[in-house]
Amino acid sequence: MGDKSPKSKQRNQKQKQSVKAESQARAQSKQDGYSQAQPLGAKGKK
């Protein structure tokens, strides 16, 4: 499969880190959206 030079390993590591950070940010913003959009007592409404 491919190039395993030190530079390619660094590049792969950076890609993995950025994808992980992006998915964490998405999950966090989703949670924030739910907590703001759902006041107490408003069950079942979006």
PDB file of N, CA and C in Angstrom:
ATOM      1  N   MET A   1       0.806  -1.178   0.000  1.00  0.00           N
ATOM      2  CA  MET A   1       0.000   0.000   0.000  1.00  0.00           C
ATOM      3  C   MET A   1       0.823   1.202   0.000  1.00  0.00           C
ATOM      4  N   GLY A   2       1.528   1.750   0.225  1.00  0.00           N
ATOM      5  CA  GLY A   2       1.986   3.024   0.006  1.00  0.00           C
ATOM      6  C   GLY A   2       3.196   3.477   0.726  1.00  0.00           C
ATOM      7  N   ASP A   3       3.329   4.697   0.748  1.00  0.00           N
ATOM      8  CA  ASP A   3       4.516   5.401   1.191  1.00  0.00           C
ATOM      9  C   ASP A   3       4.524   5.483   2.717  1.00  0.00           C
ATOM     10  N   LYS A   4       5.593   4.906   3.301  1.00  0.00           N
ATOM     11  CA  LYS A   4       5.675   4.976   4.769  1.00  0.00           C
ATOM     12  C   LYS A   4       6.884   5.791   5.218  1.00  0.00           C
ATOM     13  N   SER A   5       7.172   6.840   4.504  1.00  0.00           N
ATOM     14  CA  SER A   5       8.261   7.727   4.901  1.00  0.00           C
ATOM     15  C   SER A   5       7.833   8.514   6.137  1.00  0.00           C
ATOM     16  N   PRO A   6       8.772   9.063   6.879  1.00  0.00           N
ATOM     17  CA  PRO A   6       8.413   9.862   8.067  1.00  0.00           C
ATOM     18  C   PRO A   6       7.456  10.999   7.745  1.00  0.00           C
ATOM     19  N   LYS A   7       7.623  11.643   6.595  1.00  0.00           N
ATOM     20  CA  LYS A   7       6.725  12.743   6.243  1.00  0.00           C
ATOM     21  C   LYS A   7       5.311  12.245   6.012  1.00  0.00           C
ATOM     22  N   SER A   8       5.177  11.089   5.373  1.00  0.00           N
ATOM     23  CA  SER A   8       3.820  10.594   5.128  1.00  0.00           C
ATOM     24  C   SER A   8       3.163  10.172   6.441  1.00  0.00           C
ATOM     25  N   LYS A   9       3.958   9.654   7.366  1.00  0.00           N
ATOM     26  CA  LYS A   9       3.400   9.301   8.679  1.00  0.00           C
ATOM     27  C   LYS A   9       2.914  10.548   9.412  1.00  0.00           C
ATOM     28  N   GLN A  10       3.679  11.620   9.340  1.00  0.00           N
ATOM     29  CA  GLN A  10       3.269  12.879   9.973  1.00  0.00           C
ATOM     30  C   GLN A  10       1.983  13.401   9.347  1.00  0.00           C
ATOM     31  N   ARG A  11       1.911  13.327   8.034  1.00  0.00           N
ATOM     32  CA  ARG A  11       0.727  13.811   7.332  1.00  0.00           C
ATOM     33  C   ARG A  11      -0.499  13.001   7.740  1.00  0.00           C
ATOM     34  N   ASN A  12      -0.354  11.676   7.800  1.00  0.00           N
ATOM     35  CA  ASN A  12      -1.469  10.830   8.213  1.00  0.00           C
ATOM     36  C   ASN A  12      -1.895  11.140   9.636  1.00  0.00           C
ATOM     37  N   GLN A  13      -0.940  11.376  10.512  1.00  0.00           N
ATOM     38  CA  GLN A  13      -1.254  11.693  11.905  1.00  0.00           C
ATOM     39  C   GLN A  13      -2.028  13.009  11.995  1.00  0.00           C
ATOM     40  N   LYS A  14      -1.601  14.007  11.235  1.00  0.00           N
ATOM     41  CA  LYS A  14      -2.302  15.299  11.235  1.00  0.00           C
ATOM     42  C   LYS A  14      -3.722  15.151  10.718  1.00  0.00           C
ATOM     43  N   GLN A  15      -3.896  14.341   9.680  1.00  0.00           N
ATOM     44  CA  GLN A  15      -5.240  14.118   9.137  1.00  0.00           C
ATOM     45  C   GLN A  15      -6.131  13.464  10.177  1.00  0.00           C
ATOM     46  N   LYS A  16      -5.616  12.459  10.856  1.00  0.00           N
ATOM     47  CA  LYS A  16      -6.407  11.769  11.875  1.00  0.00           C
ATOM     48  C   LYS A  16      -6.801  12.728  12.988  1.00  0.00           C
ATOM     49  N   GLN A  17      -5.862  13.564  13.410  1.00  0.00           N
ATOM     50  CA  GLN A  17      -6.149  14.511  14.486  1.00  0.00           C
ATOM     51  C   GLN A  17      -7.205  15.522  14.056  1.00  0.00           C
ATOM     52  N   SER A  18      -7.119  16.004  12.831  1.00  0.00           N
ATOM     53  CA  SER A  18      -8.089  17.010  12.392  1.00  0.00           C
ATOM     54  C   SER A  18      -9.473  16.394  12.240  1.00  0.00           C
ATOM     55  N   VAL A  19      -9.551  15.159  11.774  1.00  0.00           N
ATOM     56  CA  VAL A  19     -10.846  14.483  11.655  1.00  0.00           C
ATOM     57  C   VAL A  19     -11.444  14.262  13.035  1.00  0.00           C
ATOM     58  N   LYS A  20     -10.611  13.863  13.983  1.00  0.00           N
ATOM     59  CA  LYS A  20     -11.088  13.632  15.343  1.00  0.00           C
ATOM     60  C   LYS A  20     -11.593  14.934  15.967  1.00  0.00           C
ATOM     61  N   ALA A  21     -10.849  16.001  15.794  1.00  0.00           N
ATOM     62  CA  ALA A  21     -11.258  17.298  16.341  1.00  0.00           C
ATOM     63  C   ALA A  21     -12.561  17.755  15.700  1.00  0.00           C
ATOM     64  N   GLU A  22     -12.695  17.533  14.411  1.00  0.00           N
ATOM     65  CA  GLU A  22     -13.914  17.950  13.709  1.00  0.00           C
ATOM     66  C   GLU A  22     -15.122  17.172  14.210  1.00  0.00           C
ATOM     67  N   SER A  23     -14.976  15.871  14.401  1.00  0.00           N
ATOM     68  CA  SER A  23     -16.115  15.084  14.867  1.00  0.00           C
ATOM     69  C   SER A  23     -16.481  15.442  16.301  1.00  0.00           C
ATOM     70  N   GLN A  24     -15.483  15.768  17.129  1.00  0.00           N
ATOM     71  CA  GLN A  24     -15.772  16.207  18.493  1.00  0.00           C
ATOM     72  C   GLN A  24     -16.503  17.539  18.487  1.00  0.00           C
ATOM     73  N   ALA A  25     -16.096  18.450  17.616  1.00  0.00           N
ATOM     74  CA  ALA A  25     -16.752  19.754  17.531  1.00  0.00           C
ATOM     75  C   ALA A  25     -18.190  19.595  17.061  1.00  0.00           C
ATOM     76  N   ARG A  26     -18.418  18.697  16.096  1.00  0.00           N
ATOM     77  CA  ARG A  26     -19.784  18.445  15.629  1.00  0.00           C
ATOM     78  C   ARG A  26     -20.648  17.901  16.748  1.00  0.00           C
ATOM     79  N   ALA A  27     -20.126  16.930  17.490  1.00  0.00           N
ATOM     80  CA  ALA A  27     -20.896  16.342  18.583  1.00  0.00           C
ATOM     81  C   ALA A  27     -21.208  17.393  19.640  1.00  0.00           C
ATOM     82  N   GLN A  28     -20.244  18.236  19.933  1.00  0.00           N
ATOM     83  CA  GLN A  28     -20.445  19.273  20.948  1.00  0.00           C
ATOM     84  C   GLN A  28     -21.495  20.281  20.484  1.00  0.00           C
ATOM     85  N   SER A  29     -21.435  20.701  19.241  1.00  0.00           N
ATOM     86  CA  SER A  29     -22.404  21.684  18.757  1.00  0.00           C
ATOM     87  C   SER A  29     -23.800  21.065  18.696  1.00  0.00           C
ATOM     88  N   LYS A  30     -23.879  19.789  18.403  1.00  0.00           N
ATOM     89  CA  LYS A  30     -25.165  19.102  18.392  1.00  0.00           C
ATOM     90  C   LYS A  30     -25.763  19.093  19.802  1.00  0.00           C
ATOM     91  N   GLN A  31     -24.933  18.789  20.796  1.00  0.00           N
ATOM     92  CA  GLN A  31     -25.405  18.793  22.182  1.00  0.00           C
ATOM     93  C   GLN A  31     -25.848  20.193  22.593  1.00  0.00           C
ATOM     94  N   ASP A  32     -25.084  21.195  22.241  1.00  0.00           N
ATOM     95  CA  ASP A  32     -25.436  22.577  22.571  1.00  0.00           C
ATOM     96  C   ASP A  32     -26.771  22.951  21.933  1.00  0.00           C
ATOM     97  N   GLY A  33     -26.957  22.548  20.692  1.00  0.00           N
ATOM     98  CA  GLY A  33     -28.201  22.847  19.994  1.00  0.00           C
ATOM     99  C   GLY A  33     -29.388  22.212  20.688  1.00  0.00           C
ATOM    100  N   TYR A  34     -29.242  20.981  21.139  1.00  0.00           N
ATOM    101  CA  TYR A  34     -30.343  20.318  21.825  1.00  0.00           C
ATOM    102  C   TYR A  34     -30.651  20.996  23.151  1.00  0.00           C
ATOM    103  N   SER A  35     -29.625  21.320  23.893  1.00  0.00           N
ATOM    104  CA  SER A  35     -29.865  21.897  25.217  1.00  0.00           C
ATOM    105  C   SER A  35     -30.487  23.289  25.109  1.00  0.00           C
ATOM    106  N   GLN A  36     -30.179  24.034  24.051  1.00  0.00           N
ATOM    107  CA  GLN A  36     -30.762  25.365  23.872  1.00  0.00           C
ATOM    108  C   GLN A  36     -32.168  25.288  23.276  1.00  0.00           C
ATOM    109  N   ALA A  37     -32.402  24.321  22.397  1.00  0.00           N
ATOM    110  CA  ALA A  37     -33.662  24.266  21.672  1.00  0.00           C
ATOM    111  C   ALA A  37     -34.766  23.572  22.465  1.00  0.00           C
ATOM    112  N   GLN A  38     -34.432  22.894  23.542  1.00  0.00           N
ATOM    113  CA  GLN A  38     -35.419  22.134  24.290  1.00  0.00           C
ATOM    114  C   GLN A  38     -35.619  22.709  25.681  1.00  0.00           C
ATOM    115  N   PRO A  39     -36.466  23.692  25.833  1.00  0.00           N
ATOM    116  CA  PRO A  39     -36.744  24.187  27.175  1.00  0.00           C
ATOM    117  C   PRO A  39     -37.518  23.125  27.957  1.00  0.00           C
ATOM    118  N   LEU A  40     -37.464  23.181  29.260  1.00  0.00           N
ATOM    119  CA  LEU A  40     -38.151  22.197  30.073  1.00  0.00           C
ATOM    120  C   LEU A  40     -39.656  22.265  29.811  1.00  0.00           C
ATOM    121  N   GLY A  41     -40.252  21.094  29.675  1.00  0.00           N
ATOM    122  CA  GLY A  41     -41.680  21.055  29.460  1.00  0.00           C
ATOM    123  C   GLY A  41     -42.065  21.028  27.989  1.00  0.00           C
ATOM    124  N   ALA A  42     -41.124  21.144  27.077  1.00  0.00           N
ATOM    125  CA  ALA A  42     -41.459  21.120  25.653  1.00  0.00           C
ATOM    126  C   ALA A  42     -41.070  19.763  25.073  1.00  0.00           C
ATOM    127  N   LYS A  43     -41.680  18.729  25.586  1.00  0.00           N
ATOM    128  CA  LYS A  43     -41.313  17.379  25.147  1.00  0.00           C
ATOM    129  C   LYS A  43     -41.931  17.073  23.808  1.00  0.00           C
ATOM    130  N   GLY A  44     -41.140  16.434  22.928  1.00  0.00           N
ATOM    131  CA  GLY A  44     -41.663  15.970  21.662  1.00  0.00           C
ATOM    132  C   GLY A  44     -41.711  17.033  20.575  1.00  0.00           C
ATOM    133  N   LYS A  45     -41.397  18.245  20.850  1.00  0.00           N
ATOM    134  CA  LYS A  45     -41.399  19.283  19.811  1.00  0.00           C
ATOM    135  C   LYS A  45     -39.972  19.554  19.361  1.00  0.00           C
ATOM    136  N   LYS A  46     -39.809  19.789  18.092  1.00  0.00           N
ATOM    137  CA  LYS A  46     -38.478  20.098  17.581  1.00  0.00           C
ATOM    138  C   LYS A  46     -38.401  21.550  17.199  1.00  0.00           C
TER     139      LYS A  46
END
